[in-house]
Amino acid sequence: MTENKLQGRIPWSLGHCKNLSSINLSMNQLNGSLPAELGQLSKIQKLNLSSKALASPLPQELGKTSLLFSLDLSFNSFNGSLPDQLASPKKLQCLILEGKRFGGSIPAWLSDLRQLLQLNLGQNQFQGRIPSSLGNLENLEIGLNLGNNKLSGTIPEGLGNLNKLERMDLSSNNLSGIIPSTLDSLLSLEAINISNNQLTGCIPKSWLKLWNSSSSSFTDNPNLCATEKQSTFCKCKGDLPLSDKEIKHLGKVYIVITVIGATIQLNRKHREERSISRKFKTAGQICHRNLVKVLEIWQMKDRGFVLYEYMSNESLNDVLHEMKPPPVLGWDIRYNIAIGTAHALSYLHHDCKPGILHGDIKPSNILLDSDMEPHISDFGIAQPMDGSLTTDSSSLMGTLGYIAPERGQSTRMTEKIDVYNYGVMLLELIMRKKVRDSSFAERMEIVRWVKSYSGREDAMIDVELGDEVTEAAIKGDMVGMVRIGLKCIEDKAEDRPSMREVVEMLRAIRPLEALFKFRVEICQV
C-alpha cells in the first residue's frame, strides 16, 4: 500500500493477519508508534515502513519475527536505543534505519546478524566508538553506512574483514587517528566516503583509485594523504594522476575519448575550456558503480582526453532505438537499468557534497556494460548544487524533448531538472519509443503523448515484452514503473519526487529477493 497518502496510525489489528509475508506501507503519511502486535506476524519476511512521521521507540516485540530478512524503517522519527530483541531475526539480510533519531552506542549485538548484506544506520545520533565486532559481518556486501552520526575514536581494524563490501560511508562523524592497514584488504570497495572527520596519515594503497576518482569523499580530513612510496598522488603536494604502472595493473579494457578538438572557433573556445574544466573536475571527483569510471584525465590548452572504462553494449539509446535487429530487452533488464540509473542520480544529488546536477540525463548518456548494468556518462554541463544555479548559463540548455518546463520559467535551477529528464528516459525505456517517435501525432513529443493517455498506463507498455505482460504480478510492476515516470514529469518541480524517493518507489514495486536472484544470475552467466 505504498504511496497512497495514508494518514493516522498503523492499526494494531494488522498483527492478526498471521499469514502475511510482506508489508509495504512506505511513502505514506502515517504517524504515531509501531504497534507491538506486529511481532505476532510469525511468517513476515519483509517489512517496509519508511515514511516521515512514525515516532517513539521501536517495540521490542519486533524481535519475535524470526523469518524477517528485510526491515526498512528509514526517514521516520524513532528515537532511543535499538532494542536488543532486533538481534533475534537471524535471517535478516537488509537492515535500513537511516534518517532517524536513534542514539546511544551502536549495539555490539549487530555482529550476531551474520546474514546481513546491507546495514544502514546513517543520519542518526549514535555516539561512541564503532564496534570492532562489526567486522564479523562477513557477508556484508551491498553497503555499510554509519555516516552523519556522532561517532568518535578510531576506525577499528576489524572492519578489514569485510572483504565482500562494495560501499562504506563513515563520513561526517568525529573519527580520528590513522586508517588501519587491515582495510587495505577491502578490494571489493567501489565507493568509500570518510569525509568530514579528523583522520590522519596515509590512506590504504588499495584506496588510491577511489581517491583519484572521488577526492571529495576524503575531504575535511586536514592531515590525510598518500605517501610517495604508494603513489605519485598526495593531497599534501597537489593532485597528480595515477602512474603508468598502476594503470597497467588495473586489469581491464579502457578506451580514450577525445573531448574536444583544437580547431574550434575563437569565440566558442573560451566557453567550451570552461566546459572541459567543469567536466574534468566533476568526473574525477565522483565514484559510484552506476557512473562511468574515469581512470585518467589529460587536459591541454585547447583539447582534452578522458580515459573511460570500456562499455561493450554501447548506450541505452543504441540498444533501444539504433541496433538492427533490435536486441531483446526483458523486464528484468529494463528494471535493472531503471533502478541502477536512479541509484546513481540519488548519489549525485544527496550523497555528494555539494550535490551535483547532471543536467542532461537521456538514453545516449547512459552506457551499458557487458552485464547490461547502466553507467551515467557525459558531465559536460554538470553543475554543483551550491545555490548558484541559474538559467543565465548557456551550459544548462539540455536536450530538446527532455527539457524541464521550469527552465524557461524560473531563474533558479534545482535537482528536479534531472528528475524530469529521468522520467522521460524511464518512459522511453518501458515503451521503447523515441522522445519524438514516428508513431506519435505530428510534432508531439513523448511527454505530451503519455499525458494524453492518462489513466491508461497499461497501454504505454512495450508490446515486445510479450508473454511477460500477461503475468498479472509483472504487469502490475510495469504499470508501477509507468506511474513513477509520470510522477517524475510533473509540470511543477515541487510536485516531482526526489531521486532518493524514486529509488524507494522502484524498490517497492519489486520484491527484494527478486533483485538478489537477478544479481546472482548475472554473476553466474
Protein backbone atom coordinates (compact mmCIF):
# COMPACT_ATOMS: atom_id res chain seq x y z
CA MET A 1 0.00 0.00 0.00
CA THR A 2 2.88 2.30 -0.80
CA GLU A 3 2.28 5.90 -1.93
CA ASN A 4 -1.37 6.24 -1.05
CA LYS A 5 -1.22 9.28 1.26
CA LEU A 6 -2.49 7.11 4.10
CA GLN A 7 -2.78 9.01 7.36
CA GLY A 8 -3.20 8.16 11.02
CA ARG A 9 -1.77 5.22 12.92
CA ILE A 10 -0.92 1.72 11.77
CA PRO A 11 -3.80 -0.42 13.15
CA TRP A 12 -2.83 -2.87 15.86
CA SER A 13 -5.22 -5.40 14.29
CA LEU A 14 -2.72 -5.84 11.46
CA GLY A 15 -0.96 -8.18 13.85
CA HIS A 16 -3.85 -10.65 13.47
CA CYS A 17 -3.04 -11.25 9.78
CA LYS A 18 -0.89 -14.24 10.67
CA ASN A 19 -0.21 -15.37 7.07
CA LEU A 20 1.27 -12.07 5.89
CA SER A 21 4.78 -12.48 4.48
CA SER A 22 5.30 -8.89 3.27
CA ILE A 23 4.10 -5.44 4.35
CA ASN A 24 4.91 -2.26 2.45
CA LEU A 25 3.40 0.93 3.85
CA SER A 26 6.23 3.19 2.68
CA MET A 27 5.85 6.73 1.30
CA ASN A 28 2.61 7.47 3.16
CA GLN A 29 1.77 9.98 5.89
CA LEU A 30 1.40 7.60 8.81
CA ASN A 31 2.21 8.77 12.32
CA GLY A 32 2.24 7.53 15.87
CA SER A 33 4.11 4.45 17.08
CA LEU A 34 4.54 0.97 15.66
CA PRO A 35 2.02 -1.43 17.21
CA ALA A 36 3.65 -4.14 19.28
CA GLU A 37 1.23 -6.61 17.69
CA LEU A 38 3.40 -6.65 14.55
CA GLY A 39 5.62 -9.02 16.50
CA GLN A 40 2.87 -11.64 16.21
CA LEU A 41 3.40 -11.95 12.45
CA SER A 42 5.37 -15.17 12.60
CA LYS A 43 5.56 -15.51 8.79
CA ILE A 44 6.58 -11.94 7.98
CA GLN A 45 9.70 -11.73 5.80
CA LYS A 46 9.71 -8.14 4.53
CA LEU A 47 8.63 -5.05 6.45
CA ASN A 48 8.95 -1.63 4.80
CA LEU A 49 7.58 1.27 6.82
CA SER A 50 9.88 4.01 5.54
CA SER A 51 7.99 7.26 5.95
CA LYS A 52 8.42 10.59 7.72
CA ALA A 53 6.28 10.75 10.85
CA LEU A 54 6.38 7.43 12.72
CA ALA A 55 7.79 8.06 16.18
CA SER A 56 8.55 6.67 19.66
CA PRO A 57 10.98 3.83 20.47
CA LEU A 58 10.80 0.64 18.44
CA PRO A 59 8.71 -2.09 20.09
CA GLN A 60 10.76 -4.97 21.46
CA GLU A 61 8.21 -7.39 20.03
CA LEU A 62 9.70 -6.92 16.54
CA GLY A 63 12.36 -9.36 17.67
CA LYS A 64 9.83 -12.18 17.55
CA THR A 65 9.64 -12.08 13.75
CA SER A 66 12.14 -14.88 13.27
CA LEU A 67 11.72 -15.14 9.46
CA LEU A 68 12.27 -11.44 8.80
CA PHE A 69 15.01 -10.82 6.22
CA SER A 70 14.33 -7.20 5.20
CA LEU A 71 13.48 -4.35 7.59
CA ASP A 72 13.29 -0.77 6.31
CA LEU A 73 12.20 1.89 8.80
CA SER A 74 14.12 4.79 7.25
CA PHE A 75 13.34 8.51 7.47
CA ASN A 76 10.98 8.45 10.43
CA SER A 77 11.30 9.99 13.89
CA PHE A 78 12.02 6.94 16.01
CA ASN A 79 14.22 7.67 18.99
CA GLY A 80 16.02 5.98 21.84
CA SER A 81 18.32 2.99 21.54
CA LEU A 82 17.92 -0.02 19.27
CA PRO A 83 16.15 -2.77 21.22
CA ASP A 84 18.31 -5.84 21.87
CA GLN A 85 15.48 -8.03 20.59
CA LEU A 86 16.28 -6.96 17.00
CA ALA A 87 19.17 -9.40 17.22
CA SER A 88 16.69 -12.29 17.19
CA PRO A 89 15.76 -12.45 13.45
CA LYS A 90 18.91 -14.37 12.43
CA LYS A 91 17.87 -14.39 8.76
CA LEU A 92 17.94 -10.60 8.50
CA GLN A 93 19.73 -9.58 5.28
CA CYS A 94 18.75 -5.94 4.93
CA LEU A 95 18.50 -3.53 7.89
CA ILE A 96 17.84 0.11 6.95
CA LEU A 97 17.39 2.55 9.83
CA GLU A 98 18.63 5.68 8.09
CA GLY A 99 17.46 9.18 8.90
CA LYS A 100 16.07 8.62 12.37
CA ARG A 101 16.86 9.82 15.87
CA PHE A 102 18.37 6.67 17.32
CA GLY A 103 21.07 7.44 19.84
CA GLY A 104 23.39 5.82 22.33
CA SER A 105 26.11 3.44 21.26
CA ILE A 106 25.99 1.22 18.18
CA PRO A 107 24.96 -2.09 19.78
CA ALA A 108 27.53 -4.88 19.67
CA TRP A 109 24.76 -7.43 19.05
CA LEU A 110 24.53 -6.26 15.43
CA SER A 111 27.51 -8.54 14.79
CA ASP A 112 25.23 -11.52 15.53
CA LEU A 113 23.24 -10.83 12.35
CA ARG A 114 25.67 -12.87 10.24
CA GLN A 115 23.40 -12.94 7.16
CA LEU A 116 23.35 -9.15 6.73
CA LEU A 117 24.07 -7.93 3.21
CA GLN A 118 23.26 -4.28 3.96
CA LEU A 119 23.43 -2.25 7.18
CA ASN A 120 22.39 1.41 7.07
CA LEU A 121 22.47 3.42 10.31
CA GLY A 122 23.24 6.78 8.67
CA GLN A 123 21.85 10.17 9.78
CA ASN A 124 21.20 9.24 13.40
CA GLN A 125 22.60 10.30 16.77
CA PHE A 126 24.83 7.32 17.55
CA GLN A 127 27.82 8.14 19.75
CA GLY A 128 30.95 6.43 20.97
CA ARG A 129 33.23 4.10 19.03
CA ILE A 130 32.50 1.89 16.05
CA PRO A 131 32.30 -1.67 17.40
CA SER A 132 35.18 -3.77 16.11
CA SER A 133 32.75 -6.71 16.14
CA LEU A 134 31.06 -5.32 13.00
CA GLY A 135 33.96 -6.94 11.21
CA ASN A 136 32.27 -10.28 11.94
CA LEU A 137 29.57 -9.46 9.37
CA GLU A 138 31.49 -11.34 6.72
CA ASN A 139 28.53 -11.46 4.31
CA LEU A 140 28.09 -7.69 4.32
CA GLU A 141 28.25 -6.83 0.63
CA ILE A 142 25.85 -4.12 -0.53
CA GLY A 143 26.83 -1.44 1.94
CA LEU A 144 27.77 -0.27 5.43
CA ASN A 145 26.52 3.25 6.21
CA LEU A 146 27.44 4.84 9.54
CA GLY A 147 27.69 8.37 8.15
CA ASN A 148 26.25 11.53 9.70
CA ASN A 149 26.29 10.39 13.31
CA LYS A 150 28.36 11.48 16.33
CA LEU A 151 30.83 8.62 16.35
CA SER A 152 34.34 9.16 17.71
CA GLY A 153 37.57 7.26 18.25
CA THR A 154 39.50 5.35 15.63
CA ILE A 155 38.31 3.14 12.78
CA PRO A 156 38.52 -0.43 14.12
CA GLU A 157 40.92 -2.87 12.49
CA GLY A 158 38.14 -5.47 12.44
CA LEU A 159 36.42 -3.74 9.51
CA GLY A 160 39.23 -5.12 7.37
CA ASN A 161 37.42 -8.49 7.50
CA LEU A 162 34.57 -7.17 5.34
CA ASN A 163 36.22 -8.36 2.14
CA LYS A 164 32.92 -8.52 0.19
CA LEU A 165 31.89 -4.95 0.97
CA GLU A 166 31.17 -2.69 -2.04
CA ARG A 167 30.22 0.61 -0.33
CA MET A 168 31.22 2.12 3.00
CA ASP A 169 30.21 5.51 4.41
CA LEU A 170 31.80 6.77 7.64
CA SER A 171 31.52 10.46 6.75
CA SER A 172 30.51 13.39 8.96
CA ASN A 173 31.48 11.92 12.32
CA ASN A 174 34.35 12.75 14.67
CA LEU A 175 36.62 9.83 13.83
CA SER A 176 40.33 10.35 14.40
CA GLY A 177 43.67 8.59 14.15
CA ILE A 178 45.12 6.66 11.24
CA ILE A 179 43.22 4.33 8.94
CA PRO A 180 44.16 0.75 9.91
CA SER A 181 46.34 -1.08 7.41
CA THR A 182 43.90 -4.02 7.58
CA LEU A 183 41.45 -2.00 5.47
CA ASP A 184 43.84 -2.33 2.55
CA SER A 185 42.31 -5.78 2.03
CA LEU A 186 38.88 -4.34 1.12
CA LEU A 187 39.44 -4.95 -2.59
CA SER A 188 35.71 -5.10 -3.42
CA LEU A 189 35.10 -1.46 -2.46
CA GLU A 190 33.59 0.57 -5.28
CA ALA A 191 32.79 3.63 -3.16
CA ILE A 192 34.13 4.95 0.12
CA ASN A 193 33.26 8.17 1.96
CA ILE A 194 35.28 9.16 5.02
CA SER A 195 34.98 12.94 4.55
CA ASN A 196 34.41 15.42 7.38
CA ASN A 197 36.32 13.61 10.13
CA GLN A 198 39.71 14.10 11.82
CA LEU A 199 41.57 11.20 10.23
CA THR A 200 45.33 11.41 9.75
CA GLY A 201 48.17 9.64 8.00
CA CYS A 202 48.09 7.60 4.80
CA ILE A 203 45.15 6.02 3.06
CA PRO A 204 45.34 2.28 2.28
CA LYS A 205 47.07 1.62 -1.03
CA SER A 206 44.03 -0.16 -2.47
CA TRP A 207 42.00 3.06 -1.97
CA LEU A 208 44.21 5.15 -4.26
CA LYS A 209 41.96 4.59 -7.27
CA LEU A 210 38.98 5.75 -5.19
CA TRP A 211 40.85 8.87 -4.07
CA ASN A 212 41.82 9.70 -7.65
CA SER A 213 38.26 9.22 -8.92
CA SER A 214 36.41 10.75 -5.94
CA SER A 215 38.63 13.04 -3.91
CA SER A 216 35.58 14.77 -2.39
CA SER A 217 34.93 11.58 -0.42
CA PHE A 218 38.16 12.21 1.53
CA THR A 219 37.92 15.97 2.13
CA ASP A 220 37.82 17.75 5.51
CA ASN A 221 40.47 15.44 6.96
CA PRO A 222 43.28 18.02 7.01
CA ASN A 223 46.12 15.61 7.75
CA LEU A 224 45.09 12.73 5.48
CA CYS A 225 47.17 11.96 2.39
CA ALA A 226 49.03 9.29 0.41
CA THR A 227 52.76 8.74 0.60
CA GLU A 228 55.05 8.95 -2.41
CA LYS A 229 56.01 5.33 -1.84
CA GLN A 230 52.43 4.34 -2.61
CA SER A 231 51.63 6.72 -5.40
CA THR A 232 52.69 9.91 -7.12
CA PHE A 233 49.43 11.33 -5.79
CA CYS A 234 49.47 13.11 -2.45
CA LYS A 235 46.98 15.66 -1.22
CA CYS A 236 49.78 17.47 0.58
CA LYS A 237 51.69 18.09 -2.67
CA GLY A 238 48.98 18.62 -5.26
CA ASP A 239 46.77 16.43 -7.40
CA LEU A 240 48.68 14.15 -9.76
CA PRO A 241 47.31 11.25 -11.84
CA LEU A 242 47.86 7.53 -11.43
CA SER A 243 51.23 6.28 -12.63
CA ASP A 244 51.56 4.22 -15.83
CA LYS A 245 52.44 1.17 -13.76
CA GLU A 246 49.28 1.49 -11.65
CA ILE A 247 47.10 1.86 -14.75
CA LYS A 248 48.53 -1.36 -16.22
CA HIS A 249 47.69 -3.23 -13.02
CA LEU A 250 44.01 -2.30 -13.22
CA GLY A 251 43.48 -5.34 -15.44
CA LYS A 252 40.50 -4.10 -17.53
CA VAL A 253 39.99 -2.76 -21.04
CA TYR A 254 39.59 1.01 -21.38
CA ILE A 255 39.05 3.46 -24.19
CA VAL A 256 40.24 7.02 -24.68
CA ILE A 257 37.56 9.51 -25.68
CA THR A 258 38.53 12.80 -27.30
CA VAL A 259 36.51 15.51 -25.64
CA ILE A 260 37.19 18.49 -27.87
CA GLY A 261 39.30 19.31 -30.93
CA ALA A 262 41.77 22.12 -31.49
CA THR A 263 40.00 23.77 -34.41
CA ILE A 264 37.05 25.35 -32.60
CA GLN A 265 36.32 28.99 -33.31
CA LEU A 266 37.91 31.54 -31.01
CA ASN A 267 34.61 32.96 -29.77
CA ARG A 268 33.46 29.45 -28.74
CA LYS A 269 36.78 28.29 -27.34
CA HIS A 270 36.57 30.07 -24.01
CA ARG A 271 33.02 28.85 -23.34
CA GLU A 272 33.98 25.29 -24.36
CA GLU A 273 37.98 25.40 -21.69
CA ARG A 274 35.27 26.23 -19.04
CA SER A 275 33.07 23.22 -20.13
CA ILE A 276 36.08 20.90 -20.26
CA SER A 277 37.36 22.06 -16.90
CA ARG A 278 33.97 21.50 -15.32
CA LYS A 279 33.62 18.09 -16.94
CA PHE A 280 37.08 17.00 -15.82
CA LYS A 281 36.69 18.30 -12.30
CA THR A 282 33.26 16.72 -11.80
CA ALA A 283 34.01 13.38 -13.43
CA GLY A 284 37.22 12.96 -11.49
CA GLN A 285 35.72 13.56 -8.06
CA ILE A 286 32.76 11.16 -8.02
CA CYS A 287 32.59 7.40 -7.75
CA HIS A 288 29.58 5.11 -7.97
CA ARG A 289 29.01 1.70 -9.53
CA ASN A 290 26.44 3.24 -11.91
CA LEU A 291 28.62 6.14 -13.04
CA VAL A 292 31.19 5.70 -15.79
CA LYS A 293 34.58 5.30 -14.15
CA VAL A 294 37.13 7.94 -15.09
CA LEU A 295 40.62 6.50 -14.73
CA GLU A 296 42.75 9.27 -16.13
CA ILE A 297 42.40 12.83 -17.37
CA TRP A 298 44.71 14.80 -19.64
CA GLN A 299 43.94 18.48 -20.16
CA MET A 300 45.83 20.71 -22.54
CA LYS A 301 45.33 24.24 -23.77
CA ASP A 302 42.79 23.52 -26.48
CA ARG A 303 41.85 19.87 -26.12
CA GLY A 304 41.44 17.17 -23.56
CA PHE A 305 41.25 13.41 -23.18
CA VAL A 306 39.40 11.25 -20.68
CA LEU A 307 40.25 7.62 -20.00
CA TYR A 308 36.91 5.82 -19.50
CA GLU A 309 36.10 2.22 -18.75
CA TYR A 310 35.04 0.38 -21.91
CA MET A 311 31.30 -0.32 -22.19
CA SER A 312 30.65 -3.23 -24.55
CA ASN A 313 26.89 -2.70 -25.02
CA GLU A 314 27.21 0.96 -26.04
CA SER A 315 24.42 3.29 -24.91
CA LEU A 316 20.81 2.78 -23.88
CA ASN A 317 19.81 4.80 -26.94
CA ASP A 318 21.65 2.34 -29.19
CA VAL A 319 20.04 -0.66 -27.52
CA LEU A 320 16.53 0.84 -27.56
CA HIS A 321 16.45 2.51 -30.95
CA GLU A 322 19.53 2.08 -33.17
CA MET A 323 20.70 -1.53 -33.23
CA LYS A 324 19.40 -3.66 -36.11
CA PRO A 325 17.86 -6.08 -35.43
CA PRO A 326 16.81 -4.61 -32.08
CA PRO A 327 18.04 -6.73 -29.15
CA VAL A 328 15.51 -8.33 -26.80
CA LEU A 329 15.11 -6.37 -23.58
CA GLY A 330 13.25 -8.37 -20.96
CA TRP A 331 11.57 -6.87 -17.92
CA ASP A 332 14.42 -7.82 -15.55
CA ILE A 333 16.93 -5.97 -17.71
CA ARG A 334 14.76 -2.86 -18.03
CA TYR A 335 14.11 -2.77 -14.31
CA ASN A 336 17.82 -3.14 -13.56
CA ILE A 337 18.63 -0.23 -15.90
CA ALA A 338 15.92 1.92 -14.28
CA ILE A 339 16.97 1.36 -10.67
CA GLY A 340 20.70 1.48 -11.39
CA THR A 341 20.35 4.88 -13.06
CA ALA A 342 18.13 6.08 -10.20
CA HIS A 343 20.74 4.99 -7.64
CA ALA A 344 23.44 6.98 -9.46
CA LEU A 345 21.33 10.15 -9.62
CA SER A 346 20.39 9.77 -5.95
CA TYR A 347 24.11 9.57 -5.18
CA LEU A 348 24.83 12.73 -7.20
CA HIS A 349 22.00 14.71 -5.60
CA HIS A 350 22.09 13.52 -2.00
CA ASP A 351 25.48 11.94 -1.23
CA CYS A 352 27.92 14.30 -2.97
CA LYS A 353 28.88 17.48 -1.12
CA PRO A 354 27.77 19.75 -2.64
CA GLY A 355 25.23 17.83 -4.67
CA ILE A 356 25.69 17.62 -8.43
CA LEU A 357 23.14 18.43 -11.13
CA HIS A 358 23.91 16.36 -14.22
CA GLY A 359 21.64 18.43 -16.46
CA ASP A 360 21.41 16.11 -19.48
CA ILE A 361 20.09 12.67 -18.50
CA LYS A 362 18.97 10.81 -21.62
CA PRO A 363 19.44 7.32 -23.13
CA SER A 364 22.52 8.31 -25.15
CA ASN A 365 24.28 9.33 -21.92
CA ILE A 366 23.55 6.02 -20.18
CA LEU A 367 26.18 3.46 -21.17
CA LEU A 368 25.72 -0.29 -20.68
CA ASP A 369 28.42 -2.77 -19.73
CA SER A 370 28.58 -6.46 -20.63
CA ASP A 371 26.01 -7.28 -17.93
CA MET A 372 23.63 -4.52 -19.13
CA GLU A 373 24.41 -2.58 -15.95
CA PRO A 374 23.83 1.17 -16.56
CA HIS A 375 26.54 3.83 -16.15
CA ILE A 376 25.77 7.56 -16.44
CA SER A 377 28.29 9.46 -18.55
CA ASP A 378 28.94 12.95 -20.00
CA PHE A 379 29.23 15.57 -17.28
CA GLY A 380 29.84 18.37 -19.78
CA ILE A 381 27.06 20.60 -18.40
CA ALA A 382 27.05 19.28 -14.82
CA GLN A 383 26.86 21.92 -12.11
CA PRO A 384 27.38 21.89 -8.32
CA MET A 385 24.14 22.45 -6.42
CA ASP A 386 25.61 25.12 -4.19
CA GLY A 387 22.88 27.73 -4.62
CA SER A 388 24.45 29.32 -7.71
CA LEU A 389 22.44 27.55 -10.42
CA THR A 390 20.54 29.90 -12.74
CA THR A 391 19.19 29.85 -16.26
CA ASP A 392 21.64 32.62 -17.17
CA SER A 393 24.20 29.97 -18.03
CA SER A 394 24.04 28.71 -21.62
CA SER A 395 25.54 25.46 -20.35
CA LEU A 396 22.19 24.49 -18.86
CA MET A 397 20.34 24.16 -22.13
CA GLY A 398 19.95 20.38 -22.13
CA THR A 399 18.42 18.36 -24.99
CA LEU A 400 15.12 19.01 -26.75
CA GLY A 401 12.41 16.65 -25.59
CA TYR A 402 13.99 16.33 -22.14
CA ILE A 403 13.98 19.95 -21.04
CA ALA A 404 12.01 20.54 -17.84
CA PRO A 405 9.32 23.27 -18.03
CA GLU A 406 10.91 25.45 -15.33
CA ARG A 407 13.99 26.07 -17.46
CA GLY A 408 12.02 28.69 -19.33
CA GLN A 409 10.02 29.94 -16.37
CA SER A 410 12.42 30.32 -13.44
CA THR A 411 15.88 31.72 -12.83
CA ARG A 412 16.67 29.12 -10.15
CA MET A 413 17.57 25.57 -11.11
CA THR A 414 17.27 22.52 -8.86
CA GLU A 415 17.91 18.78 -8.99
CA LYS A 416 14.30 18.34 -10.12
CA ILE A 417 15.62 19.03 -13.65
CA ASP A 418 17.39 15.68 -13.51
CA VAL A 419 14.24 14.08 -12.09
CA TYR A 420 12.27 15.31 -15.09
CA ASN A 421 14.95 14.03 -17.51
CA TYR A 422 14.94 10.68 -15.72
CA GLY A 423 11.16 10.44 -16.02
CA VAL A 424 11.34 10.94 -19.79
CA MET A 425 14.09 8.32 -20.03
CA LEU A 426 12.04 5.90 -17.90
CA LEU A 427 9.08 6.21 -20.26
CA GLU A 428 11.34 5.61 -23.26
CA LEU A 429 12.72 2.53 -21.54
CA ILE A 430 9.38 0.87 -20.81
CA MET A 431 7.66 1.98 -24.04
CA ARG A 432 10.69 1.58 -26.35
CA LYS A 433 9.67 4.71 -28.20
CA LYS A 434 11.86 7.69 -29.06
CA VAL A 435 11.25 11.03 -27.43
CA ARG A 436 9.94 12.12 -30.87
CA ASP A 437 8.63 8.85 -32.20
CA SER A 438 7.13 8.43 -35.66
CA SER A 439 4.10 6.72 -34.11
CA PHE A 440 3.11 9.94 -32.32
CA ALA A 441 0.97 12.62 -33.89
CA GLU A 442 2.84 15.31 -35.82
CA ARG A 443 5.23 17.35 -33.63
CA MET A 444 4.09 15.53 -30.50
CA GLU A 445 6.77 14.51 -28.01
CA ILE A 446 6.64 11.60 -25.61
CA VAL A 447 5.62 13.71 -22.58
CA ARG A 448 2.52 15.10 -24.31
CA TRP A 449 1.69 11.68 -25.72
CA VAL A 450 1.74 9.85 -22.37
CA LYS A 451 -0.26 12.59 -20.68
CA SER A 452 -2.93 12.17 -23.33
CA TYR A 453 -3.15 8.52 -22.22
CA SER A 454 -3.67 9.42 -18.55
CA GLY A 455 -5.41 6.60 -16.70
CA ARG A 456 -4.42 4.02 -19.35
CA GLU A 457 -0.92 3.18 -18.13
CA ASP A 458 -1.11 -0.41 -19.38
CA ALA A 459 -1.39 0.95 -22.95
CA MET A 460 2.08 2.50 -22.57
CA ILE A 461 3.91 -0.80 -22.03
CA ASP A 462 6.07 -2.05 -24.89
CA VAL A 463 4.21 -4.83 -26.70
CA GLU A 464 7.55 -6.55 -27.29
CA LEU A 465 7.56 -7.59 -23.64
CA GLY A 466 5.13 -10.21 -24.90
CA ASP A 467 4.32 -13.03 -22.52
CA GLU A 468 5.69 -11.17 -19.51
CA VAL A 469 2.85 -8.64 -19.76
CA THR A 470 0.29 -11.42 -19.41
CA GLU A 471 1.52 -12.30 -15.93
CA ALA A 472 -0.60 -10.21 -13.57
CA ALA A 473 2.10 -9.56 -10.97
CA ILE A 474 4.72 -8.49 -13.54
CA LYS A 475 2.20 -6.34 -15.39
CA GLY A 476 1.44 -4.61 -12.12
CA ASP A 477 5.16 -3.89 -11.69
CA MET A 478 5.32 -2.44 -15.20
CA VAL A 479 2.33 -0.21 -14.59
CA GLY A 480 4.00 0.87 -11.34
CA MET A 481 7.09 1.95 -13.28
CA VAL A 482 4.96 3.93 -15.74
CA ARG A 483 3.35 5.73 -12.81
CA ILE A 484 6.77 6.57 -11.37
CA GLY A 485 7.73 8.03 -14.75
CA LEU A 486 4.57 10.13 -14.77
CA LYS A 487 5.35 11.47 -11.28
CA CYS A 488 8.81 12.48 -12.46
CA ILE A 489 7.47 14.57 -15.38
CA GLU A 490 5.02 16.66 -13.37
CA ASP A 491 4.96 20.23 -14.69
CA LYS A 492 5.73 21.77 -11.30
CA ALA A 493 9.17 20.90 -9.95
CA GLU A 494 7.87 20.73 -6.37
CA ASP A 495 5.39 18.01 -7.35
CA ARG A 496 8.14 15.67 -8.54
CA PRO A 497 9.73 13.20 -6.13
CA SER A 498 13.38 13.37 -5.19
CA MET A 499 15.68 10.74 -6.71
CA ARG A 500 16.02 9.17 -3.29
CA GLU A 501 12.24 8.77 -3.24
CA VAL A 502 12.32 7.38 -6.79
CA VAL A 503 14.73 4.68 -5.63
CA GLU A 504 12.37 3.76 -2.80
CA MET A 505 9.39 3.64 -5.15
CA LEU A 506 11.25 1.38 -7.57
CA ARG A 507 12.31 -0.90 -4.74
CA ALA A 508 8.70 -1.07 -3.63
CA ILE A 509 7.45 -2.48 -6.94
CA ARG A 510 9.94 -5.37 -6.99
CA PRO A 511 10.45 -7.92 -4.18
CA LEU A 512 13.89 -7.75 -2.62
CA GLU A 513 14.58 -11.41 -3.27
CA ALA A 514 13.95 -10.87 -7.00
CA LEU A 515 16.73 -8.30 -7.08
CA PHE A 516 19.17 -10.68 -5.41
CA LYS A 517 18.11 -13.51 -7.73
CA PHE A 518 18.70 -11.38 -10.81
CA ARG A 519 22.06 -10.26 -9.49
CA VAL A 520 23.15 -13.84 -8.83
CA GLU A 521 22.03 -14.92 -12.31
CA ILE A 522 24.15 -12.19 -13.88
CA CYS A 523 27.20 -13.31 -11.88
CA GLN A 524 26.67 -16.93 -12.89
CA VAL A 525 26.46 -16.03 -16.57
